[in-house]
Amino acid sequence: MAALESRLLLVTDRQQTKGRPLMSVLAQALKAGRISIQLRERDLCARDLLTLAGEIQQLMEPHQGHLVINDRLDVALSLEAAGVHLRSNSLPVGVARRLLSPLRLLGASAHSVEEAVTVEANGADYVVLGPVYDTPSKRMFGPPLGLTTVEDAARAVRVPIFAIGGVTAGRARELRRAGAFGVAVITAILCADDVDAATTALLEAVTAPV
């Protein structure tokens, strides 16, 4: 079974980098320490996504982080060692698990404790749970779940839970205390004026003793 070892998962969105090239922002984030990256560029065709994923893999190689491809199992299978992350309306987790080597990461999004339990039972190696706090990009998924849901999910599943939605370094500490293994962020890093410092603060928060 594969394991997502870093407690910080950076979800990409090249439209939210304040005009900076995505690769430049990722390079700065990787300087801060070991992070994992979820490549989520939904508007790219498979060919362009594969090219970008290959470039990110090369960038990450010295840092030993994991790369997971959002939704596109075909792209993940085309890359050595890349995993896949499934949305709640993606290919069913159980189907993807049968197609993906157990040595490759399979993650899934969940918006409730029940969904977290289901995706774990179907073979997910980790769960991204949210939105925990209010954030404009996640309002389509309903009201914030809050810390109680994180606590309940952490008791209900054995795989790592990454909390997402409105996460800051300060909130990351309370999420870890609530039982989250780590956090997933987008704008907290991609939109930061100082990407290195923002990533460092998040890494320190999620790795601090709870």
Protein backbone atom coordinates (compact mmCIF):
# COMPACT_ATOMS: atom_id res chain seq x y z
CA MET A 1 0.00 0.00 0.00
CA ALA A 2 1.32 3.43 -0.95
CA ALA A 3 1.54 6.20 1.63
CA LEU A 4 1.45 9.96 1.28
CA GLU A 5 4.20 10.82 3.72
CA SER A 6 4.29 14.61 3.55
CA ARG A 7 1.73 16.36 5.75
CA LEU A 8 1.42 19.24 3.26
CA LEU A 9 -0.36 18.74 -0.07
CA LEU A 10 -0.20 21.61 -2.54
CA VAL A 11 -3.04 21.63 -5.08
CA THR A 12 -2.15 23.49 -8.26
CA ASP A 13 -4.10 26.16 -10.10
CA ARG A 14 -1.96 28.13 -12.51
CA GLN A 15 -4.67 30.83 -12.66
CA GLN A 16 -4.00 31.73 -9.02
CA THR A 17 -0.29 32.45 -9.00
CA LYS A 18 -0.54 36.25 -9.28
CA GLY A 19 0.71 36.06 -12.85
CA ARG A 20 3.83 34.10 -11.99
CA PRO A 21 4.72 30.92 -13.92
CA LEU A 22 3.41 27.87 -12.10
CA MET A 23 6.76 26.07 -12.32
CA SER A 24 8.50 29.02 -10.69
CA VAL A 25 6.05 29.03 -7.78
CA LEU A 26 6.36 25.26 -7.33
CA ALA A 27 10.14 25.50 -7.32
CA GLN A 28 9.99 28.09 -4.53
CA ALA A 29 7.59 25.94 -2.52
CA LEU A 30 9.80 22.87 -2.87
CA LYS A 31 12.79 24.77 -1.51
CA ALA A 32 10.99 25.05 1.82
CA GLY A 33 10.87 21.31 2.42
CA ARG A 34 9.20 18.06 1.49
CA ILE A 35 5.72 18.61 0.10
CA SER A 36 3.42 16.62 -2.14
CA ILE A 37 1.73 18.13 -5.19
CA GLN A 38 -1.70 17.46 -6.65
CA LEU A 39 -1.72 18.56 -10.28
CA ARG A 40 -5.18 19.98 -10.88
CA GLU A 41 -5.37 21.90 -14.16
CA ARG A 42 -8.81 20.92 -15.38
CA ASP A 43 -8.74 22.96 -18.58
CA LEU A 44 -5.70 21.20 -20.04
CA CYS A 45 -6.03 18.40 -22.56
CA ALA A 46 -4.43 15.06 -21.75
CA ARG A 47 -1.35 15.74 -23.88
CA ASP A 48 -0.62 19.13 -22.28
CA LEU A 49 -1.36 17.78 -18.81
CA LEU A 50 1.05 14.90 -19.38
CA THR A 51 3.78 17.31 -20.49
CA LEU A 52 3.27 19.53 -17.45
CA ALA A 53 3.19 16.53 -15.12
CA GLY A 54 6.48 15.29 -16.51
CA GLU A 55 8.08 18.69 -15.91
CA ILE A 56 6.79 18.75 -12.33
CA GLN A 57 8.09 15.24 -11.70
CA GLN A 58 11.56 16.33 -12.81
CA LEU A 59 11.34 19.38 -10.57
CA MET A 60 10.29 17.25 -7.59
CA GLU A 61 12.84 14.47 -8.07
CA PRO A 62 15.51 15.87 -5.71
CA HIS A 63 12.88 16.57 -3.05
CA GLN A 64 11.32 13.09 -2.80
CA GLY A 65 7.76 14.34 -2.70
CA HIS A 66 4.76 12.62 -4.27
CA LEU A 67 2.92 13.78 -7.38
CA VAL A 68 -0.75 12.89 -7.85
CA ILE A 69 -2.79 13.77 -10.92
CA ASN A 70 -6.26 15.13 -10.37
CA ASP A 71 -8.99 12.96 -11.91
CA ARG A 72 -6.99 11.76 -14.96
CA LEU A 73 -6.12 8.14 -14.32
CA ASP A 74 -4.90 7.81 -17.91
CA VAL A 75 -2.31 10.54 -17.40
CA ALA A 76 -1.18 9.08 -14.07
CA LEU A 77 -0.73 5.65 -15.66
CA SER A 78 1.38 7.23 -18.39
CA LEU A 79 3.89 8.50 -15.82
CA GLU A 80 6.15 6.35 -13.72
CA ALA A 81 5.28 6.51 -10.01
CA ALA A 82 2.56 9.20 -10.29
CA GLY A 83 -0.64 8.65 -8.34
CA VAL A 84 -4.16 9.87 -8.95
CA HIS A 85 -6.63 11.91 -6.92
CA LEU A 86 -10.34 11.44 -7.57
CA ARG A 87 -13.13 13.94 -7.05
CA SER A 88 -16.46 12.82 -5.67
CA ASN A 89 -17.88 12.71 -9.21
CA SER A 90 -14.83 11.07 -10.83
CA LEU A 91 -14.30 7.44 -11.76
CA PRO A 92 -15.37 5.32 -8.76
CA VAL A 93 -12.55 4.72 -6.31
CA GLY A 94 -13.01 0.95 -6.43
CA VAL A 95 -12.65 0.91 -10.23
CA ALA A 96 -9.52 3.06 -10.12
CA ARG A 97 -8.02 0.86 -7.40
CA ARG A 98 -8.35 -2.20 -9.61
CA LEU A 99 -6.53 -0.41 -12.44
CA LEU A 100 -3.83 1.22 -10.32
CA SER A 101 -0.90 -0.64 -8.80
CA PRO A 102 -1.03 -0.84 -4.99
CA LEU A 103 2.36 0.84 -5.06
CA ARG A 104 0.78 3.97 -6.54
CA LEU A 105 -1.11 6.51 -4.50
CA LEU A 106 -4.88 6.74 -4.84
CA GLY A 107 -6.51 9.66 -3.08
CA ALA A 108 -10.11 10.80 -2.99
CA SER A 109 -12.09 13.87 -2.00
CA ALA A 110 -14.82 13.60 0.61
CA HIS A 111 -17.31 16.13 1.93
CA SER A 112 -18.65 14.15 4.88
CA VAL A 113 -17.62 11.45 7.33
CA GLU A 114 -19.73 8.94 5.43
CA GLU A 115 -17.95 9.68 2.15
CA ALA A 116 -14.59 9.35 3.87
CA VAL A 117 -15.54 5.92 5.19
CA THR A 118 -16.76 4.82 1.76
CA VAL A 119 -13.67 5.86 -0.19
CA GLU A 120 -11.41 4.22 2.38
CA ALA A 121 -13.40 1.00 2.09
CA ASN A 122 -13.04 1.13 -1.70
CA GLY A 123 -9.27 1.41 -1.60
CA ALA A 124 -8.25 5.07 -1.16
CA ASP A 125 -4.83 5.59 0.42
CA TYR A 126 -5.75 9.01 1.78
CA VAL A 127 -8.76 11.34 1.97
CA VAL A 128 -8.96 15.08 1.33
CA LEU A 129 -11.84 16.29 3.51
CA GLY A 130 -13.50 19.65 3.21
CA PRO A 131 -14.27 22.41 3.06
CA VAL A 132 -13.45 22.70 6.75
CA TYR A 133 -13.53 26.50 6.84
CA ASP A 134 -15.35 28.95 4.61
CA THR A 135 -13.54 29.65 1.35
CA PRO A 136 -14.98 31.01 -1.92
CA SER A 137 -13.51 28.22 -4.07
CA LYS A 138 -15.28 25.52 -2.05
CA ARG A 139 -18.72 27.05 -1.46
CA MET A 140 -20.17 24.85 -4.21
CA PHE A 141 -19.69 21.90 -1.86
CA GLY A 142 -21.89 23.38 0.85
CA PRO A 143 -21.29 25.04 4.22
CA PRO A 144 -18.00 24.54 6.08
CA LEU A 145 -17.71 21.18 7.83
CA GLY A 146 -15.92 22.51 10.90
CA LEU A 147 -13.45 20.85 13.26
CA THR A 148 -16.00 18.42 14.70
CA THR A 149 -16.37 16.70 11.33
CA VAL A 150 -12.58 16.38 11.09
CA GLU A 151 -12.52 14.81 14.54
CA ASP A 152 -15.31 12.38 13.64
CA ALA A 153 -13.68 11.42 10.34
CA ALA A 154 -10.31 10.86 12.00
CA ARG A 155 -11.95 8.39 14.38
CA ALA A 156 -13.90 6.70 11.60
CA VAL A 157 -11.08 5.97 9.12
CA ARG A 158 -7.53 4.69 9.39
CA VAL A 159 -6.05 6.31 6.27
CA PRO A 160 -4.57 9.82 6.50
CA ILE A 161 -6.99 12.72 6.34
CA PHE A 162 -5.94 16.00 4.72
CA ALA A 163 -8.15 18.95 5.62
CA ILE A 164 -8.86 21.50 2.88
CA GLY A 165 -10.76 24.77 2.61
CA GLY A 166 -9.64 28.05 4.17
CA VAL A 167 -6.49 26.50 5.65
CA THR A 168 -3.84 28.82 7.10
CA ALA A 169 -0.74 28.04 9.13
CA GLY A 170 -2.61 28.93 12.31
CA ARG A 171 -5.55 26.75 11.42
CA ALA A 172 -3.26 23.90 10.40
CA ARG A 173 -2.23 23.46 14.02
CA GLU A 174 -5.81 23.10 15.24
CA LEU A 175 -6.59 20.73 12.37
CA ARG A 176 -3.72 18.50 13.44
CA ARG A 177 -5.03 18.57 17.00
CA ALA A 178 -8.45 17.58 15.65
CA GLY A 179 -6.95 14.46 14.10
CA ALA A 180 -6.04 15.49 10.55
CA PHE A 181 -2.83 13.92 9.29
CA GLY A 182 -2.12 17.04 7.27
CA VAL A 183 -3.58 19.83 5.18
CA ALA A 184 -4.17 20.54 1.50
CA VAL A 185 -3.90 24.14 0.28
CA ILE A 186 -4.16 26.15 -2.91
CA THR A 187 -4.07 29.92 -2.43
CA ALA A 188 -2.22 29.80 0.91
CA ILE A 189 0.89 29.02 -1.12
CA LEU A 190 0.14 29.89 -4.74
CA CYS A 191 -1.07 33.42 -3.91
CA ALA A 192 1.54 34.15 -1.25
CA ASP A 193 3.88 37.07 -1.89
CA ASP A 194 6.68 35.01 -0.33
CA VAL A 195 6.03 31.43 -1.41
CA ASP A 196 9.03 30.01 0.44
CA ALA A 197 8.02 31.65 3.73
CA ALA A 198 4.37 30.64 3.37
CA THR A 199 5.31 27.03 2.67
CA THR A 200 7.76 26.99 5.57
CA ALA A 201 5.10 28.29 7.96
CA LEU A 202 2.63 25.61 6.86
CA LEU A 203 5.24 22.84 7.11
CA GLU A 204 6.18 23.96 10.60
CA ALA A 205 2.52 24.04 11.61
CA VAL A 206 1.68 20.54 10.36
CA THR A 207 4.84 18.92 11.70
CA ALA A 208 4.78 20.55 15.15
CA PRO A 209 3.97 18.23 18.10
CA VAL A 210 0.23 18.02 18.81
